[in-house]
Amino acid sequence: MDSEFSNRQGFNHDRPAAEMQAGGEPASELAGTLRRQDFYYDLPPELIAQQPPARRGDSRLLTLDGASGELGDRWFRNLPELLQPGDLLVFNDTRVIPARLFGRKASGGRFEILIERLLDERRALVHLHASKSPKPGGALRFDAGFTATVLGRHGELFEISLDGDEPWLALLERHGQTPLPPYIRRPPTPEDRERYQTIYARQPGAVAAPTAGLHFDQELLDRLAEQGIEQVFVTLHVGAGTFQPVRVEHIEEHVMHGEWIEVGAATCERIAAARARGGRVIAVGTTVARALETAAQNGGIQPWCGQTRIFIYPGYRFRCVDALITNFHLPESTLLMLVAAFAGRAATLNAYRYAVEQRYRFFSYGDAMFITRRTEPA
């Protein structure tokens, strides 16, 4: 499979023809009445990757042509074959912080926190799990020996403040635990500190990795640069809300969690230059797609810094992204809905059925997809 490109088109289309309209999309999608269960697929648990591959780049790569729905099997290290000189790869340079900590409340009850966002050096918004939720003013004593005070509650999150002078980042680096996703059912290991992190991570603040970037090693980045494929960065600090399930039946009613992004002026200039020369803008991950589409909400991409709650689902028209590199996503998740908006729902679910049949590895430590954007209807 390393040197051969095997194509599959129309794999296992098992939807009744009466349900389909122009472009191969279900009538309900065109009517704007999509339901959560319209993004369900059956995934055998043994396909959920529990460990990273032996080396970055050793993953498989499923290609999906958004115009035709054609599928192809490759290895991730063959990515340069899919790109052209003048294309621009956009990466998310966020850095995962060791965001999970344990301790006891003043009452003696155990608690676990997962930091959602650092507000400043001493304050943080956290998910706090305990037998009984603490009240404002309550003391938290961490197993590592430092303490914090609960300042208040904001919906499902608690705002807490460190009692000492040492900042959160320093304490987390020494005492925090790598926040592996809930579907990785094992304790984190020292190896995860390095493997659940992109090699270009430099802006600390994420509590989940931008997993499409985990496949890149320095050798691959160098090969791409030598081929004339440019590279640029945005920042989106991935929050634990990325794993939040969609609980409403009609997806339009779902409220997205907020995540902090920065798309700088230099990045915007590089994107504009790529478009001017006929190159494609390729988002490495759904986090990059969300950041770029947020910054392009008024048409052309402009510098943007702040919180985004953009929710991209079928019916959305992409303004900036031409191709997408992404891992496989959970059934009924907002990230799967984003991919379906990019490539078409029927084509996306067809690709996922094919990936299950071909025993691809799923989720954070799993395999990847390279997707070109679906042709917009006239």
Protein backbone atom coordinates (compact mmCIF):
# COMPACT_ATOMS: atom_id res chain seq x y z
CA MET A 1 0.00 0.00 0.00
CA ASP A 2 3.04 2.29 0.42
CA SER A 3 3.58 2.87 -3.29
CA GLU A 4 0.14 2.01 -4.65
CA PHE A 5 -2.89 4.30 -4.59
CA SER A 6 -6.00 2.15 -4.34
CA ASN A 7 -9.23 4.00 -5.15
CA ARG A 8 -12.73 3.27 -3.96
CA GLN A 9 -15.79 5.13 -5.18
CA GLY A 10 -19.30 4.74 -3.90
CA PHE A 11 -18.25 2.23 -1.24
CA ASN A 12 -21.22 0.58 0.44
CA HIS A 13 -23.80 3.26 -0.36
CA ASP A 14 -26.75 1.69 1.40
CA ARG A 15 -29.14 4.66 1.62
CA PRO A 16 -32.39 4.33 -0.34
CA ALA A 17 -32.33 6.41 -3.52
CA ALA A 18 -35.54 8.18 -2.53
CA GLU A 19 -33.74 9.80 0.38
CA MET A 20 -31.13 11.41 -1.85
CA GLN A 21 -31.27 14.69 -3.76
CA ALA A 22 -28.87 16.65 -5.98
CA GLY A 23 -25.24 16.26 -4.99
CA GLY A 24 -25.91 12.97 -3.19
CA GLU A 25 -27.11 14.67 -0.01
CA PRO A 26 -30.23 13.60 1.92
CA ALA A 27 -33.31 15.77 1.60
CA SER A 28 -33.18 16.54 5.35
CA GLU A 29 -29.71 18.07 4.94
CA LEU A 30 -30.86 20.35 2.14
CA ALA A 31 -33.86 21.37 4.21
CA GLY A 32 -31.66 22.37 7.13
CA THR A 33 -33.29 19.94 9.56
CA LEU A 34 -30.34 17.72 10.40
CA ARG A 35 -30.54 15.69 13.57
CA ARG A 36 -27.78 14.46 15.83
CA GLN A 37 -28.37 10.85 14.81
CA ASP A 38 -27.75 11.76 11.17
CA PHE A 39 -24.05 11.75 12.10
CA TYR A 40 -23.96 8.36 13.77
CA TYR A 41 -21.76 5.54 12.55
CA ASP A 42 -21.00 2.16 14.08
CA LEU A 43 -17.44 1.87 15.42
CA PRO A 44 -16.05 -1.35 16.89
CA PRO A 45 -14.29 -0.41 20.16
CA GLU A 46 -11.12 -2.26 19.17
CA LEU A 47 -10.50 0.31 16.41
CA ILE A 48 -10.05 3.14 18.94
CA ALA A 49 -6.28 3.62 19.11
CA GLN A 50 -4.95 3.31 22.66
CA GLN A 51 -1.28 3.92 21.80
CA PRO A 52 0.50 6.13 19.28
CA PRO A 53 2.24 4.45 16.34
CA ALA A 54 5.88 3.50 16.84
CA ARG A 55 6.98 6.58 14.89
CA ARG A 56 5.25 9.76 13.82
CA GLY A 57 4.21 9.42 10.21
CA ASP A 58 3.67 5.65 10.41
CA SER A 59 -0.10 6.16 10.32
CA ARG A 60 -2.35 5.39 7.38
CA LEU A 61 -3.94 8.18 5.34
CA LEU A 62 -7.38 7.87 3.78
CA THR A 63 -7.96 10.37 0.96
CA LEU A 64 -11.43 11.71 0.13
CA ASP A 65 -12.01 13.78 -2.99
CA GLY A 66 -14.78 16.21 -2.15
CA ALA A 67 -15.82 16.66 -5.78
CA SER A 68 -16.26 12.99 -6.67
CA GLY A 69 -16.42 11.18 -3.32
CA GLU A 70 -13.53 8.96 -4.47
CA LEU A 71 -11.51 7.29 -1.71
CA GLY A 72 -7.87 6.23 -1.72
CA ASP A 73 -5.50 4.45 0.70
CA ARG A 74 -2.02 5.81 1.42
CA TRP A 75 0.46 6.19 4.25
CA PHE A 76 0.83 9.54 5.99
CA ARG A 77 4.47 9.77 4.93
CA ASN A 78 3.18 9.91 1.32
CA LEU A 79 1.47 13.25 2.02
CA PRO A 80 3.88 15.22 -0.25
CA GLU A 81 2.46 13.32 -3.24
CA LEU A 82 -0.90 15.00 -2.62
CA LEU A 83 0.46 18.56 -2.44
CA GLN A 84 1.78 20.98 -5.03
CA PRO A 85 4.41 23.75 -4.96
CA GLY A 86 2.65 26.93 -3.89
CA ASP A 87 0.26 25.18 -1.49
CA LEU A 88 0.19 26.53 2.07
CA LEU A 89 -0.05 24.25 5.12
CA VAL A 90 -1.55 25.98 8.17
CA PHE A 91 -0.69 24.42 11.56
CA ASN A 92 -1.98 25.01 15.10
CA ASP A 93 1.02 25.74 17.35
CA THR A 94 -0.85 25.38 20.65
CA ARG A 95 0.93 23.37 23.34
CA VAL A 96 -0.86 20.86 25.57
CA ILE A 97 -0.38 21.57 29.26
CA PRO A 98 -0.36 18.77 31.88
CA ALA A 99 -3.83 19.87 32.93
CA ARG A 100 -5.07 17.10 35.27
CA LEU A 101 -4.50 17.33 39.04
CA PHE A 102 -5.81 15.54 42.14
CA GLY A 103 -6.32 16.48 45.77
CA ARG A 104 -8.67 16.80 48.73
CA LYS A 105 -11.21 19.42 49.74
CA ALA A 106 -11.05 20.94 53.20
CA SER A 107 -13.81 18.48 54.19
CA GLY A 108 -11.51 15.59 53.25
CA GLY A 109 -13.34 14.47 50.10
CA ARG A 110 -11.24 13.62 47.06
CA PHE A 111 -11.44 15.74 43.91
CA GLU A 112 -10.00 15.79 40.42
CA ILE A 113 -9.65 18.88 38.27
CA LEU A 114 -9.08 19.29 34.57
CA ILE A 115 -8.10 22.82 33.62
CA GLU A 116 -10.20 24.22 30.79
CA ARG A 117 -8.48 27.59 30.46
CA LEU A 118 -5.81 29.58 32.26
CA LEU A 119 -7.18 33.09 32.89
CA ASP A 120 -3.89 34.51 34.15
CA GLU A 121 -0.88 33.25 36.11
CA ARG A 122 -2.95 32.35 39.18
CA ARG A 123 -6.60 31.99 38.07
CA ALA A 124 -8.05 29.16 36.01
CA LEU A 125 -11.40 27.81 34.82
CA VAL A 126 -11.59 24.10 35.60
CA HIS A 127 -13.79 21.06 35.41
CA LEU A 128 -14.00 19.79 38.98
CA HIS A 129 -15.16 16.29 39.84
CA ALA A 130 -15.98 15.52 43.48
CA SER A 131 -18.69 13.73 45.42
CA LYS A 132 -20.04 17.16 46.42
CA SER A 133 -19.28 20.41 44.59
CA PRO A 134 -17.32 22.96 46.62
CA LYS A 135 -18.81 26.37 47.38
CA PRO A 136 -17.17 29.78 46.75
CA GLY A 137 -14.43 30.27 49.31
CA GLY A 138 -13.83 26.55 49.62
CA ALA A 139 -10.23 25.38 49.93
CA LEU A 140 -8.64 22.85 47.60
CA ARG A 141 -5.53 21.01 48.81
CA PHE A 142 -3.62 19.35 45.99
CA ASP A 143 -1.67 16.16 46.50
CA ALA A 144 1.50 17.98 45.38
CA GLY A 145 1.32 20.28 48.43
CA PHE A 146 -0.07 23.58 47.11
CA THR A 147 -3.56 25.00 47.68
CA ALA A 148 -6.17 26.99 45.80
CA THR A 149 -9.45 28.73 46.61
CA VAL A 150 -12.75 28.39 44.76
CA LEU A 151 -13.84 31.84 43.56
CA GLY A 152 -17.14 30.90 41.93
CA ARG A 153 -18.94 28.82 39.36
CA HIS A 154 -19.65 29.61 35.68
CA GLY A 155 -22.05 27.00 34.36
CA GLU A 156 -20.24 23.66 34.39
CA LEU A 157 -16.87 25.28 35.17
CA PHE A 158 -15.34 26.47 38.45
CA GLU A 159 -13.05 29.48 38.73
CA ILE A 160 -10.21 28.84 41.16
CA SER A 161 -7.18 30.85 42.25
CA LEU A 162 -3.82 29.67 43.53
CA ASP A 163 -3.00 30.73 47.08
CA GLY A 164 0.77 31.01 46.58
CA ASP A 165 2.93 33.08 44.26
CA GLU A 166 4.05 30.31 41.90
CA PRO A 167 2.17 30.43 38.56
CA TRP A 168 -0.04 27.70 37.20
CA LEU A 169 2.22 26.76 34.29
CA ALA A 170 5.20 26.06 36.54
CA LEU A 171 3.12 23.94 38.94
CA LEU A 172 1.48 22.02 36.12
CA GLU A 173 4.78 21.20 34.44
CA ARG A 174 6.04 19.68 37.70
CA HIS A 175 2.90 18.05 39.07
CA GLY A 176 0.23 17.85 36.35
CA GLN A 177 -0.83 14.74 34.45
CA THR A 178 -1.18 14.56 30.66
CA PRO A 179 -4.91 14.98 29.91
CA LEU A 180 -5.49 12.00 27.64
CA PRO A 181 -8.96 11.86 26.06
CA PRO A 182 -11.67 9.84 27.84
CA TYR A 183 -11.69 7.14 25.13
CA ILE A 184 -8.04 6.26 25.82
CA ARG A 185 -8.70 3.86 28.66
CA ARG A 186 -5.32 3.68 30.35
CA PRO A 187 -3.28 5.90 32.65
CA PRO A 188 -0.93 8.37 30.93
CA THR A 189 2.72 7.38 30.68
CA PRO A 190 5.91 9.48 30.43
CA GLU A 191 5.86 8.77 26.67
CA ASP A 192 2.53 10.59 26.38
CA ARG A 193 4.16 13.83 27.50
CA GLU A 194 6.00 13.86 24.19
CA ARG A 195 3.68 11.92 21.85
CA TYR A 196 0.46 13.74 22.83
CA GLN A 197 2.13 16.93 21.60
CA THR A 198 3.00 18.19 18.12
CA ILE A 199 6.72 18.72 17.44
CA TYR A 200 6.03 22.40 16.67
CA ALA A 201 3.97 23.15 19.81
CA ARG A 202 5.06 26.45 21.35
CA GLN A 203 2.07 28.35 22.82
CA PRO A 204 0.97 26.68 26.09
CA GLY A 205 -2.72 26.59 26.82
CA ALA A 206 -4.44 23.54 25.27
CA VAL A 207 -5.88 20.67 27.31
CA ALA A 208 -6.32 18.45 24.25
CA ALA A 209 -3.94 18.01 21.33
CA PRO A 210 -4.63 19.23 17.79
CA THR A 211 -4.29 15.62 16.75
CA ALA A 212 -3.87 16.00 12.98
CA GLY A 213 -0.49 17.54 13.71
CA LEU A 214 0.72 14.53 15.71
CA HIS A 215 1.63 12.74 12.45
CA PHE A 216 4.27 15.27 11.39
CA ASP A 217 7.96 14.75 12.19
CA GLN A 218 10.81 17.07 11.28
CA GLU A 219 11.85 14.93 8.31
CA LEU A 220 8.39 15.26 6.75
CA LEU A 221 8.27 19.02 7.40
CA ASP A 222 11.66 19.40 5.73
CA ARG A 223 10.56 17.36 2.70
CA LEU A 224 7.48 19.53 2.30
CA ALA A 225 9.53 22.73 2.50
CA GLU A 226 11.98 21.42 -0.11
CA GLN A 227 9.01 20.70 -2.37
CA GLY A 228 7.95 24.37 -2.26
CA ILE A 229 5.03 23.88 0.14
CA GLU A 230 4.91 26.76 2.61
CA GLN A 231 4.08 26.46 6.29
CA VAL A 232 2.45 28.98 8.63
CA PHE A 233 0.83 28.91 12.08
CA VAL A 234 -2.29 29.94 13.96
CA THR A 235 -3.08 29.29 17.61
CA LEU A 236 -6.25 27.69 18.97
CA HIS A 237 -6.10 26.49 22.57
CA VAL A 238 -8.16 23.30 22.44
CA GLY A 239 -10.46 22.97 25.45
CA ALA A 240 -11.94 19.90 27.09
CA GLY A 241 -15.22 20.98 25.55
CA THR A 242 -14.00 19.47 22.28
CA PHE A 243 -15.17 16.13 23.74
CA GLN A 244 -18.55 17.55 24.83
CA PRO A 245 -21.37 15.52 23.26
CA VAL A 246 -24.18 17.10 21.27
CA ARG A 247 -27.21 16.60 23.51
CA VAL A 248 -29.94 18.28 21.44
CA GLU A 249 -31.82 16.45 18.70
CA HIS A 250 -31.63 19.23 16.10
CA ILE A 251 -28.00 20.21 15.68
CA GLU A 252 -28.79 23.88 14.93
CA GLU A 253 -29.75 24.22 18.60
CA HIS A 254 -26.35 23.10 19.91
CA VAL A 255 -24.29 25.79 21.66
CA MET A 256 -20.54 25.46 21.09
CA HIS A 257 -17.96 25.79 23.86
CA GLY A 258 -15.65 28.79 23.57
CA GLU A 259 -11.98 28.42 22.61
CA TRP A 260 -9.28 31.10 22.38
CA ILE A 261 -7.69 31.70 18.98
CA GLU A 262 -5.15 34.00 17.39
CA VAL A 263 -4.71 34.46 13.65
CA GLY A 264 -1.90 36.96 13.14
CA ALA A 265 -1.42 39.56 10.42
CA ALA A 266 1.60 37.71 8.97
CA THR A 267 -0.48 34.53 8.62
CA CYS A 268 -3.25 36.44 6.87
CA GLU A 269 -0.71 37.91 4.43
CA ARG A 270 0.71 34.47 3.64
CA ILE A 271 -2.79 33.10 3.02
CA ALA A 272 -3.63 35.98 0.69
CA ALA A 273 -0.34 35.43 -1.18
CA ALA A 274 -1.06 31.70 -1.56
CA ARG A 275 -4.47 32.43 -3.03
CA ALA A 276 -3.03 35.05 -5.38
CA ARG A 277 -0.57 32.53 -6.85
CA GLY A 278 -3.21 29.83 -7.20
CA GLY A 279 -2.06 27.74 -4.23
CA ARG A 280 -4.39 25.91 -1.88
CA VAL A 281 -4.87 26.71 1.80
CA ILE A 282 -4.65 23.37 3.65
CA ALA A 283 -5.80 23.27 7.27
CA VAL A 284 -3.91 20.77 9.43
CA GLY A 285 -6.78 19.84 11.71
CA THR A 286 -10.31 20.96 12.46
CA THR A 287 -8.93 23.44 15.01
CA VAL A 288 -7.11 25.27 12.20
CA ALA A 289 -10.24 25.15 10.03
CA ARG A 290 -12.28 26.74 12.85
CA ALA A 291 -9.64 29.40 13.47
CA LEU A 292 -9.33 30.36 9.79
CA GLU A 293 -13.06 30.37 9.17
CA THR A 294 -13.57 32.55 12.26
CA ALA A 295 -11.03 35.04 10.92
CA ALA A 296 -12.70 35.00 7.49
CA GLN A 297 -16.28 35.63 8.65
CA ASN A 298 -16.42 39.01 6.88
CA GLY A 299 -15.09 37.67 3.59
CA GLY A 300 -11.33 37.97 3.17
CA ILE A 301 -9.26 36.70 6.06
CA GLN A 302 -8.27 39.34 8.62
CA PRO A 303 -6.21 39.24 11.86
CA TRP A 304 -8.31 37.90 14.72
CA CYS A 305 -7.66 37.37 18.43
CA GLY A 306 -10.18 36.28 21.03
CA GLN A 307 -12.74 33.60 21.76
CA THR A 308 -14.54 31.69 19.03
CA ARG A 309 -17.72 29.65 19.28
CA ILE A 310 -18.05 28.98 15.56
CA PHE A 311 -20.10 25.86 14.85
CA ILE A 312 -19.58 24.48 11.35
CA TYR A 313 -22.09 21.91 10.10
CA PRO A 314 -23.59 20.99 6.70
CA GLY A 315 -24.92 24.04 4.94
CA TYR A 316 -21.90 26.15 5.92
CA ARG A 317 -19.94 27.66 3.00
CA PHE A 318 -16.19 27.66 3.61
CA ARG A 319 -14.45 30.96 2.93
CA CYS A 320 -10.79 30.08 3.44
CA VAL A 321 -9.97 26.35 3.62
CA ASP A 322 -9.42 24.37 0.40
CA ALA A 323 -8.22 21.04 1.84
CA LEU A 324 -8.25 19.47 5.29
CA ILE A 325 -5.96 17.02 7.08
CA THR A 326 -7.76 15.51 10.04
CA ASN A 327 -8.03 12.42 12.22
CA PHE A 328 -11.25 10.42 12.51
CA HIS A 329 -13.83 11.86 14.91
CA LEU A 330 -16.41 10.53 17.34
CA PRO A 331 -19.91 9.64 16.13
CA GLU A 332 -22.40 12.52 16.46
CA SER A 333 -19.61 14.97 17.36
CA THR A 334 -19.32 18.60 16.25
CA LEU A 335 -15.98 17.78 14.60
CA LEU A 336 -17.56 15.07 12.46
CA MET A 337 -20.23 17.62 11.52
CA LEU A 338 -17.48 20.02 10.41
CA VAL A 339 -15.95 17.35 8.18
CA ALA A 340 -19.41 16.60 6.77
CA ALA A 341 -19.85 20.28 5.96
CA PHE A 342 -16.51 20.23 4.13
CA ALA A 343 -16.90 17.04 2.09
CA GLY A 344 -20.64 16.39 2.18
CA ARG A 345 -22.43 14.28 4.77
CA ALA A 346 -23.08 11.25 2.56
CA ALA A 347 -19.48 11.17 1.29
CA THR A 348 -18.11 11.59 4.81
CA LEU A 349 -20.17 8.78 6.32
CA ASN A 350 -19.34 6.59 3.34
CA ALA A 351 -15.64 7.23 3.99
CA TYR A 352 -16.06 6.35 7.66
CA ARG A 353 -17.83 3.10 6.81
CA TYR A 354 -14.97 2.27 4.48
CA ALA A 355 -12.40 3.15 7.16
CA VAL A 356 -14.11 0.78 9.61
CA GLU A 357 -14.17 -2.00 7.02
CA GLN A 358 -10.47 -1.47 6.25
CA ARG A 359 -9.56 -1.43 9.96
CA TYR A 360 -8.23 2.11 10.17
CA ARG A 361 -7.31 3.31 13.67
CA PHE A 362 -9.60 5.97 15.11
CA PHE A 363 -9.36 9.16 17.18
CA SER A 364 -6.40 10.97 18.76
CA TYR A 365 -3.65 8.36 18.32
CA GLY A 366 -5.24 6.91 15.20
CA ASP A 367 -4.93 7.35 11.44
CA ALA A 368 -5.71 10.43 9.36
CA MET A 369 -7.64 11.69 6.34
CA PHE A 370 -6.74 14.12 3.56
CA ILE A 371 -9.92 15.74 2.25
CA THR A 372 -10.45 18.19 -0.58
CA ARG A 373 -13.44 20.47 -0.34
CA ARG A 374 -16.76 19.45 -1.81
CA THR A 375 -17.66 21.35 -4.98
CA GLU A 376 -20.21 24.00 -4.07
CA PRO A 377 -23.52 23.73 -5.95
CA ALA A 378 -24.14 26.47 -8.48
